[in-house]
Full PDB file with SEQRES, HELIX, SHEET, SSBOND, CRYST1, ORIGX, SCALE, CONECT and MASTER records, all heavy atoms in Angstrom:
SEQRES   1 A   31  GLN LEU LEU VAL ALA VAL VAL LEU SER ALA GLN CYS THR          
SEQRES   2 A   31  ASP LYS ARG ILE ASN ALA ILE THR PRO PHE LEU PHE LYS          
SEQRES   3 A   31  ASP PHE PRO ASP ALA                                          
HELIX    1 AA1 LEU A    2  LEU A    8  1                                   7    
HELIX    2 AA2 ASP A   14  ASP A   27  1                                  14    
CRYST1    1.000    1.000    1.000  90.00  90.00  90.00 P 1           1          
ORIGX1      1.000000  0.000000  0.000000        0.00000                         
ORIGX2      0.000000  1.000000  0.000000        0.00000                         
ORIGX3      0.000000  0.000000  1.000000        0.00000                         
SCALE1      1.000000  0.000000  0.000000        0.00000                         
SCALE2      0.000000  1.000000  0.000000        0.00000                         
SCALE3      0.000000  0.000000  1.000000        0.00000                         
ATOM      1  N   GLN A   1      -0.134  -2.614  -7.905  1.00  0.00           N  
ATOM      2  CA  GLN A   1       0.264  -1.924  -6.676  1.00  0.00           C  
ATOM      3  C   GLN A   1      -0.704  -0.791  -6.339  1.00  0.00           C  
ATOM      4  O   GLN A   1      -0.980  -0.541  -5.162  1.00  0.00           O  
ATOM      5  CB  GLN A   1       1.690  -1.389  -6.811  1.00  0.00           C  
ATOM      6  CG  GLN A   1       2.741  -2.496  -6.815  1.00  0.00           C  
ATOM      7  CD  GLN A   1       4.162  -1.960  -6.852  1.00  0.00           C  
ATOM      8  OE1 GLN A   1       4.388  -0.754  -6.829  1.00  0.00           O  
ATOM      9  NE2 GLN A   1       5.125  -2.867  -6.913  1.00  0.00           N  
ATOM     10  N   LEU A   2      -1.221  -0.118  -7.348  1.00  0.00           N  
ATOM     11  CA  LEU A   2      -2.256   0.891  -7.096  1.00  0.00           C  
ATOM     12  C   LEU A   2      -3.475   0.240  -6.462  1.00  0.00           C  
ATOM     13  O   LEU A   2      -4.041   0.769  -5.488  1.00  0.00           O  
ATOM     14  CB  LEU A   2      -2.651   1.587  -8.396  1.00  0.00           C  
ATOM     15  CG  LEU A   2      -3.871   2.519  -8.317  1.00  0.00           C  
ATOM     16  CD1 LEU A   2      -3.602   3.690  -7.376  1.00  0.00           C  
ATOM     17  CD2 LEU A   2      -4.256   3.026  -9.703  1.00  0.00           C  
ATOM     18  N   LEU A   3      -3.887  -0.898  -6.983  1.00  0.00           N  
ATOM     19  CA  LEU A   3      -5.046  -1.604  -6.437  1.00  0.00           C  
ATOM     20  C   LEU A   3      -4.818  -1.969  -4.975  1.00  0.00           C  
ATOM     21  O   LEU A   3      -5.696  -1.767  -4.123  1.00  0.00           O  
ATOM     22  CB  LEU A   3      -5.320  -2.859  -7.259  1.00  0.00           C  
ATOM     23  CG  LEU A   3      -6.459  -3.767  -6.781  1.00  0.00           C  
ATOM     24  CD1 LEU A   3      -7.786  -3.009  -6.768  1.00  0.00           C  
ATOM     25  CD2 LEU A   3      -6.564  -5.002  -7.673  1.00  0.00           C  
ATOM     26  N   VAL A   4      -3.654  -2.486  -4.665  1.00  0.00           N  
ATOM     27  CA  VAL A   4      -3.319  -2.837  -3.283  1.00  0.00           C  
ATOM     28  C   VAL A   4      -3.378  -1.599  -2.393  1.00  0.00           C  
ATOM     29  O   VAL A   4      -3.966  -1.619  -1.306  1.00  0.00           O  
ATOM     30  CB  VAL A   4      -1.919  -3.477  -3.198  1.00  0.00           C  
ATOM     31  CG1 VAL A   4      -1.472  -3.611  -1.736  1.00  0.00           C  
ATOM     32  CG2 VAL A   4      -1.914  -4.843  -3.864  1.00  0.00           C  
ATOM     33  N   ALA A   5      -2.793  -0.504  -2.851  1.00  0.00           N  
ATOM     34  CA  ALA A   5      -2.759   0.732  -2.057  1.00  0.00           C  
ATOM     35  C   ALA A   5      -4.163   1.272  -1.814  1.00  0.00           C  
ATOM     36  O   ALA A   5      -4.471   1.738  -0.708  1.00  0.00           O  
ATOM     37  CB  ALA A   5      -1.901   1.780  -2.765  1.00  0.00           C  
ATOM     38  N   VAL A   6      -5.022   1.200  -2.824  1.00  0.00           N  
ATOM     39  CA  VAL A   6      -6.389   1.708  -2.664  1.00  0.00           C  
ATOM     40  C   VAL A   6      -7.166   0.831  -1.689  1.00  0.00           C  
ATOM     41  O   VAL A   6      -7.918   1.331  -0.846  1.00  0.00           O  
ATOM     42  CB  VAL A   6      -7.111   1.802  -4.023  1.00  0.00           C  
ATOM     43  CG1 VAL A   6      -8.551   2.252  -3.823  1.00  0.00           C  
ATOM     44  CG2 VAL A   6      -6.393   2.767  -4.947  1.00  0.00           C  
ATOM     45  N   VAL A   7      -7.002  -0.474  -1.784  1.00  0.00           N  
ATOM     46  CA  VAL A   7      -7.670  -1.382  -0.842  1.00  0.00           C  
ATOM     47  C   VAL A   7      -7.213  -1.078   0.586  1.00  0.00           C  
ATOM     48  O   VAL A   7      -8.021  -1.007   1.517  1.00  0.00           O  
ATOM     49  CB  VAL A   7      -7.383  -2.857  -1.199  1.00  0.00           C  
ATOM     50  CG1 VAL A   7      -7.839  -3.780  -0.070  1.00  0.00           C  
ATOM     51  CG2 VAL A   7      -8.082  -3.235  -2.500  1.00  0.00           C  
ATOM     52  N   LEU A   8      -5.927  -0.858   0.770  1.00  0.00           N  
ATOM     53  CA  LEU A   8      -5.399  -0.562   2.105  1.00  0.00           C  
ATOM     54  C   LEU A   8      -5.860   0.798   2.622  1.00  0.00           C  
ATOM     55  O   LEU A   8      -5.979   0.999   3.830  1.00  0.00           O  
ATOM     56  CB  LEU A   8      -3.869  -0.597   2.074  1.00  0.00           C  
ATOM     57  CG  LEU A   8      -3.207  -1.961   1.922  1.00  0.00           C  
ATOM     58  CD1 LEU A   8      -1.700  -1.800   1.749  1.00  0.00           C  
ATOM     59  CD2 LEU A   8      -3.503  -2.855   3.121  1.00  0.00           C  
ATOM     60  N   SER A   9      -6.134   1.720   1.708  1.00  0.00           N  
ATOM     61  CA  SER A   9      -6.448   3.093   2.117  1.00  0.00           C  
ATOM     62  C   SER A   9      -7.851   3.278   2.670  1.00  0.00           C  
ATOM     63  O   SER A   9      -8.171   4.350   3.193  1.00  0.00           O  
ATOM     64  CB  SER A   9      -6.249   4.056   0.932  1.00  0.00           C  
ATOM     65  OG  SER A   9      -7.257   3.873  -0.047  1.00  0.00           O  
ATOM     66  N   ALA A  10      -8.691   2.256   2.582  1.00  0.00           N  
ATOM     67  CA  ALA A  10     -10.051   2.371   3.105  1.00  0.00           C  
ATOM     68  C   ALA A  10     -10.009   2.706   4.594  1.00  0.00           C  
ATOM     69  O   ALA A  10      -9.390   1.986   5.380  1.00  0.00           O  
ATOM     70  CB  ALA A  10     -10.821   1.066   2.876  1.00  0.00           C  
ATOM     71  N   GLN A  11     -10.631   3.822   4.965  1.00  0.00           N  
ATOM     72  CA  GLN A  11     -10.676   4.303   6.347  1.00  0.00           C  
ATOM     73  C   GLN A  11      -9.275   4.466   6.932  1.00  0.00           C  
ATOM     74  O   GLN A  11      -9.032   4.195   8.106  1.00  0.00           O  
ATOM     75  CB  GLN A  11     -11.532   3.378   7.216  1.00  0.00           C  
ATOM     76  CG  GLN A  11     -12.975   3.295   6.729  1.00  0.00           C  
ATOM     77  CD  GLN A  11     -13.861   2.510   7.665  1.00  0.00           C  
ATOM     78  OE1 GLN A  11     -13.813   2.687   8.879  1.00  0.00           O  
ATOM     79  NE2 GLN A  11     -14.677   1.641   7.101  1.00  0.00           N  
ATOM     80  N   CYS A  12      -8.357   4.914   6.082  1.00  0.00           N  
ATOM     81  CA  CYS A  12      -6.984   5.148   6.513  1.00  0.00           C  
ATOM     82  C   CYS A  12      -6.411   6.251   5.632  1.00  0.00           C  
ATOM     83  O   CYS A  12      -6.864   6.459   4.503  1.00  0.00           O  
ATOM     84  CB  CYS A  12      -6.165   3.863   6.350  1.00  0.00           C  
ATOM     85  SG  CYS A  12      -4.616   3.843   7.279  1.00  0.00           S  
ATOM     86  N   THR A  13      -5.421   6.971   6.107  1.00  0.00           N  
ATOM     87  CA  THR A  13      -4.880   8.089   5.342  1.00  0.00           C  
ATOM     88  C   THR A  13      -3.881   7.616   4.281  1.00  0.00           C  
ATOM     89  O   THR A  13      -3.187   6.608   4.462  1.00  0.00           O  
ATOM     90  CB  THR A  13      -4.165   9.091   6.262  1.00  0.00           C  
ATOM     91  OG1 THR A  13      -2.999   8.467   6.837  1.00  0.00           O  
ATOM     92  CG2 THR A  13      -5.098   9.560   7.375  1.00  0.00           C  
ATOM     93  N   ASP A  14      -3.798   8.377   3.191  1.00  0.00           N  
ATOM     94  CA  ASP A  14      -2.813   8.067   2.160  1.00  0.00           C  
ATOM     95  C   ASP A  14      -1.400   8.160   2.721  1.00  0.00           C  
ATOM     96  O   ASP A  14      -0.500   7.413   2.309  1.00  0.00           O  
ATOM     97  CB  ASP A  14      -2.959   9.033   0.984  1.00  0.00           C  
ATOM     98  CG  ASP A  14      -4.196   8.747   0.141  1.00  0.00           C  
ATOM     99  OD1 ASP A  14      -4.945   7.815   0.481  1.00  0.00           O  
ATOM    100  OD2 ASP A  14      -4.421   9.461  -0.853  1.00  0.00           O  
ATOM    101  N   LYS A  15      -1.178   9.083   3.646  1.00  0.00           N  
ATOM    102  CA  LYS A  15       0.141   9.234   4.258  1.00  0.00           C  
ATOM    103  C   LYS A  15       0.563   7.956   4.957  1.00  0.00           C  
ATOM    104  O   LYS A  15       1.716   7.513   4.829  1.00  0.00           O  
ATOM    105  CB  LYS A  15       0.116  10.395   5.261  1.00  0.00           C  
ATOM    106  CG  LYS A  15       1.468  10.678   5.904  1.00  0.00           C  
ATOM    107  CD  LYS A  15       1.381  11.873   6.849  1.00  0.00           C  
ATOM    108  CE  LYS A  15       2.729  12.159   7.512  1.00  0.00           C  
ATOM    109  NZ  LYS A  15       2.648  13.327   8.439  1.00  0.00           N  
ATOM    110  N   ARG A  16      -0.346   7.338   5.679  1.00  0.00           N  
ATOM    111  CA  ARG A  16      -0.046   6.089   6.367  1.00  0.00           C  
ATOM    112  C   ARG A  16       0.243   4.980   5.359  1.00  0.00           C  
ATOM    113  O   ARG A  16       1.178   4.188   5.517  1.00  0.00           O  
ATOM    114  CB  ARG A  16      -1.219   5.721   7.282  1.00  0.00           C  
ATOM    115  CG  ARG A  16      -1.253   4.271   7.807  1.00  0.00           C  
ATOM    116  CD  ARG A  16       0.015   3.812   8.440  1.00  0.00           C  
ATOM    117  NE  ARG A  16       0.526   4.723   9.443  1.00  0.00           N  
ATOM    118  CZ  ARG A  16       1.723   4.618  10.026  1.00  0.00           C  
ATOM    119  NH1 ARG A  16       2.538   3.637   9.685  1.00  0.00           N  
ATOM    120  NH2 ARG A  16       2.101   5.488  10.938  1.00  0.00           N  
ATOM    121  N   ILE A  17      -0.562   4.915   4.293  1.00  0.00           N  
ATOM    122  CA  ILE A  17      -0.363   3.871   3.285  1.00  0.00           C  
ATOM    123  C   ILE A  17       0.980   4.048   2.595  1.00  0.00           C  
ATOM    124  O   ILE A  17       1.716   3.069   2.378  1.00  0.00           O  
ATOM    125  CB  ILE A  17      -1.505   3.894   2.249  1.00  0.00           C  
ATOM    126  CG1 ILE A  17      -2.857   3.721   2.950  1.00  0.00           C  
ATOM    127  CG2 ILE A  17      -1.295   2.798   1.213  1.00  0.00           C  
ATOM    128  CD1 ILE A  17      -2.951   2.520   3.863  1.00  0.00           C  
ATOM    129  N   ASN A  18       1.330   5.276   2.248  1.00  0.00           N  
ATOM    130  CA  ASN A  18       2.614   5.531   1.586  1.00  0.00           C  
ATOM    131  C   ASN A  18       3.800   5.214   2.488  1.00  0.00           C  
ATOM    132  O   ASN A  18       4.915   4.989   1.998  1.00  0.00           O  
ATOM    133  CB  ASN A  18       2.693   6.986   1.127  1.00  0.00           C  
ATOM    134  CG  ASN A  18       1.780   7.272  -0.051  1.00  0.00           C  
ATOM    135  OD1 ASN A  18       1.395   6.376  -0.794  1.00  0.00           O  
ATOM    136  ND2 ASN A  18       1.429   8.542  -0.217  1.00  0.00           N  
ATOM    137  N   ALA A  19       3.574   5.201   3.794  1.00  0.00           N  
ATOM    138  CA  ALA A  19       4.655   4.891   4.734  1.00  0.00           C  
ATOM    139  C   ALA A  19       4.944   3.393   4.789  1.00  0.00           C  
ATOM    140  O   ALA A  19       6.081   2.989   5.075  1.00  0.00           O  
ATOM    141  CB  ALA A  19       4.297   5.402   6.131  1.00  0.00           C  
ATOM    142  N   ILE A  20       3.936   2.577   4.502  1.00  0.00           N  
ATOM    143  CA  ILE A  20       4.133   1.128   4.630  1.00  0.00           C  
ATOM    144  C   ILE A  20       4.321   0.402   3.296  1.00  0.00           C  
ATOM    145  O   ILE A  20       4.939  -0.665   3.251  1.00  0.00           O  
ATOM    146  CB  ILE A  20       2.968   0.471   5.395  1.00  0.00           C  
ATOM    147  CG1 ILE A  20       1.684   0.519   4.567  1.00  0.00           C  
ATOM    148  CG2 ILE A  20       2.763   1.109   6.762  1.00  0.00           C  
ATOM    149  CD1 ILE A  20       0.591  -0.377   5.100  1.00  0.00           C  
ATOM    150  N   THR A  21       3.783   0.950   2.210  1.00  0.00           N  
ATOM    151  CA  THR A  21       3.826   0.206   0.950  1.00  0.00           C  
ATOM    152  C   THR A  21       5.231  -0.010   0.382  1.00  0.00           C  
ATOM    153  O   THR A  21       5.457  -1.028  -0.282  1.00  0.00           O  
ATOM    154  CB  THR A  21       2.930   0.858  -0.120  1.00  0.00           C  
ATOM    155  OG1 THR A  21       3.187   2.273  -0.195  1.00  0.00           O  
ATOM    156  CG2 THR A  21       1.464   0.613   0.197  1.00  0.00           C  
ATOM    157  N   PRO A  22       6.217   0.883   0.601  1.00  0.00           N  
ATOM    158  CA  PRO A  22       7.557   0.557   0.091  1.00  0.00           C  
ATOM    159  C   PRO A  22       8.088  -0.761   0.632  1.00  0.00           C  
ATOM    160  O   PRO A  22       8.708  -1.547  -0.109  1.00  0.00           O  
ATOM    161  CB  PRO A  22       8.412   1.746   0.558  1.00  0.00           C  
ATOM    162  CG  PRO A  22       7.444   2.880   0.637  1.00  0.00           C  
ATOM    163  CD  PRO A  22       6.179   2.254   1.152  1.00  0.00           C  
ATOM    164  N   PHE A  23       7.865  -1.038   1.908  1.00  0.00           N  
ATOM    165  CA  PHE A  23       8.315  -2.288   2.516  1.00  0.00           C  
ATOM    166  C   PHE A  23       7.470  -3.459   2.028  1.00  0.00           C  
ATOM    167  O   PHE A  23       7.988  -4.550   1.766  1.00  0.00           O  
ATOM    168  CB  PHE A  23       8.245  -2.177   4.045  1.00  0.00           C  
ATOM    169  CG  PHE A  23       8.996  -1.001   4.594  1.00  0.00           C  
ATOM    170  CD1 PHE A  23       8.337   0.179   4.932  1.00  0.00           C  
ATOM    171  CD2 PHE A  23      10.374  -1.051   4.763  1.00  0.00           C  
ATOM    172  CE1 PHE A  23       9.038   1.267   5.435  1.00  0.00           C  
ATOM    173  CE2 PHE A  23      11.073   0.039   5.267  1.00  0.00           C  
ATOM    174  CZ  PHE A  23      10.403   1.203   5.599  1.00  0.00           C  
ATOM    175  N   LEU A  24       6.171  -3.214   1.895  1.00  0.00           N  
ATOM    176  CA  LEU A  24       5.267  -4.263   1.420  1.00  0.00           C  
ATOM    177  C   LEU A  24       5.589  -4.654  -0.017  1.00  0.00           C  
ATOM    178  O   LEU A  24       5.713  -5.848  -0.340  1.00  0.00           O  
ATOM    179  CB  LEU A  24       3.819  -3.765   1.519  1.00  0.00           C  
ATOM    180  CG  LEU A  24       2.726  -4.721   1.033  1.00  0.00           C  
ATOM    181  CD1 LEU A  24       2.645  -5.939   1.936  1.00  0.00           C  
ATOM    182  CD2 LEU A  24       1.379  -3.996   0.997  1.00  0.00           C  
ATOM    183  N   PHE A  25       5.758  -3.649  -0.887  1.00  0.00           N  
ATOM    184  CA  PHE A  25       5.991  -3.929  -2.302  1.00  0.00           C  
ATOM    185  C   PHE A  25       7.398  -4.459  -2.568  1.00  0.00           C  
ATOM    186  O   PHE A  25       7.635  -5.074  -3.611  1.00  0.00           O  
ATOM    187  CB  PHE A  25       5.735  -2.674  -3.131  1.00  0.00           C  
ATOM    188  CG  PHE A  25       4.288  -2.251  -3.159  1.00  0.00           C  
ATOM    189  CD1 PHE A  25       3.947  -0.914  -3.319  1.00  0.00           C  
ATOM    190  CD2 PHE A  25       3.268  -3.180  -3.003  1.00  0.00           C  
ATOM    191  CE1 PHE A  25       2.620  -0.519  -3.350  1.00  0.00           C  
ATOM    192  CE2 PHE A  25       1.939  -2.796  -3.016  1.00  0.00           C  
ATOM    193  CZ  PHE A  25       1.609  -1.463  -3.193  1.00  0.00           C  
ATOM    194  N   LYS A  26       8.319  -4.223  -1.657  1.00  0.00           N  
ATOM    195  CA  LYS A  26       9.663  -4.775  -1.817  1.00  0.00           C  
ATOM    196  C   LYS A  26       9.621  -6.298  -1.764  1.00  0.00           C  
ATOM    197  O   LYS A  26      10.288  -6.986  -2.542  1.00  0.00           O  
ATOM    198  CB  LYS A  26      10.593  -4.247  -0.729  1.00  0.00           C  
ATOM    199  CG  LYS A  26      12.020  -4.789  -0.830  1.00  0.00           C  
ATOM    200  CD  LYS A  26      12.894  -4.239   0.281  1.00  0.00           C  
ATOM    201  CE  LYS A  26      14.300  -4.818   0.188  1.00  0.00           C  
ATOM    202  NZ  LYS A  26      15.184  -4.309   1.296  1.00  0.00           N  
ATOM    203  N   ASP A  27       8.805  -6.834  -0.848  1.00  0.00           N  
ATOM    204  CA  ASP A  27       8.717  -8.291  -0.695  1.00  0.00           C  
ATOM    205  C   ASP A  27       7.563  -8.900  -1.474  1.00  0.00           C  
ATOM    206  O   ASP A  27       7.593 -10.089  -1.813  1.00  0.00           O  
ATOM    207  CB  ASP A  27       8.581  -8.646   0.786  1.00  0.00           C  
ATOM    208  CG  ASP A  27       9.861  -8.386   1.573  1.00  0.00           C  
ATOM    209  OD1 ASP A  27      10.919  -8.203   0.938  1.00  0.00           O  
ATOM    210  OD2 ASP A  27       9.797  -8.343   2.814  1.00  0.00           O  
ATOM    211  N   PHE A  28       6.537  -8.077  -1.762  1.00  0.00           N  
ATOM    212  CA  PHE A  28       5.381  -8.562  -2.514  1.00  0.00           C  
ATOM    213  C   PHE A  28       5.078  -7.571  -3.647  1.00  0.00           C  
ATOM    214  O   PHE A  28       4.156  -6.767  -3.550  1.00  0.00           O  
ATOM    215  CB  PHE A  28       4.162  -8.715  -1.604  1.00  0.00           C  
ATOM    216  CG  PHE A  28       4.393  -9.596  -0.409  1.00  0.00           C  
ATOM    217  CD1 PHE A  28       4.609  -9.038   0.852  1.00  0.00           C  
ATOM    218  CD2 PHE A  28       4.421 -10.970  -0.533  1.00  0.00           C  
ATOM    219  CE1 PHE A  28       4.833  -9.843   1.957  1.00  0.00           C  
ATOM    220  CE2 PHE A  28       4.639 -11.789   0.570  1.00  0.00           C  
ATOM    221  CZ  PHE A  28       4.849 -11.235   1.811  1.00  0.00           C  
ATOM    222  N   PRO A  29       5.847  -7.622  -4.726  1.00  0.00           N  
ATOM    223  CA  PRO A  29       5.705  -6.608  -5.779  1.00  0.00           C  
ATOM    224  C   PRO A  29       4.543  -6.828  -6.737  1.00  0.00           C  
ATOM    225  O   PRO A  29       4.137  -5.900  -7.436  1.00  0.00           O  
ATOM    226  CB  PRO A  29       7.034  -6.714  -6.531  1.00  0.00           C  
ATOM    227  CG  PRO A  29       7.428  -8.149  -6.354  1.00  0.00           C  
ATOM    228  CD  PRO A  29       6.994  -8.515  -4.967  1.00  0.00           C  
ATOM    229  N   ASP A  30       4.011  -8.054  -6.775  1.00  0.00           N  
ATOM    230  CA  ASP A  30       2.974  -8.351  -7.765  1.00  0.00           C  
ATOM    231  C   ASP A  30       1.967  -9.353  -7.217  1.00  0.00           C  
ATOM    232  O   ASP A  30       2.099  -9.854  -6.099  1.00  0.00           O  
ATOM    233  CB  ASP A  30       3.611  -8.885  -9.055  1.00  0.00           C  
ATOM    234  CG  ASP A  30       4.598 -10.022  -8.784  1.00  0.00           C  
ATOM    235  OD1 ASP A  30       4.403 -10.763  -7.795  1.00  0.00           O  
ATOM    236  OD2 ASP A  30       5.564 -10.163  -9.556  1.00  0.00           O  
ATOM    237  N   ALA A  31       0.967  -9.631  -8.037  1.00  0.00           N  
ATOM    238  CA  ALA A  31      -0.103 -10.535  -7.601  1.00  0.00           C  
ATOM    239  C   ALA A  31       0.421 -11.941  -7.324  1.00  0.00           C  
ATOM    240  O   ALA A  31      -0.021 -12.615  -6.386  1.00  0.00           O  
ATOM    241  CB  ALA A  31      -1.199 -10.578  -8.667  1.00  0.00           C  
TER     242      ALA A  31                                                      
MASTER        0    0    0    2    0    0    0    6  241    1    0    3          
END                                                                             
């Protein structure tokens, strides 16, 4: 999940990533 968050954070704020990852990780928790 850290890897996913870091990939998503490229040219984007951590605040934005933290806003979407709870929903993303709920349905896609692992590789």
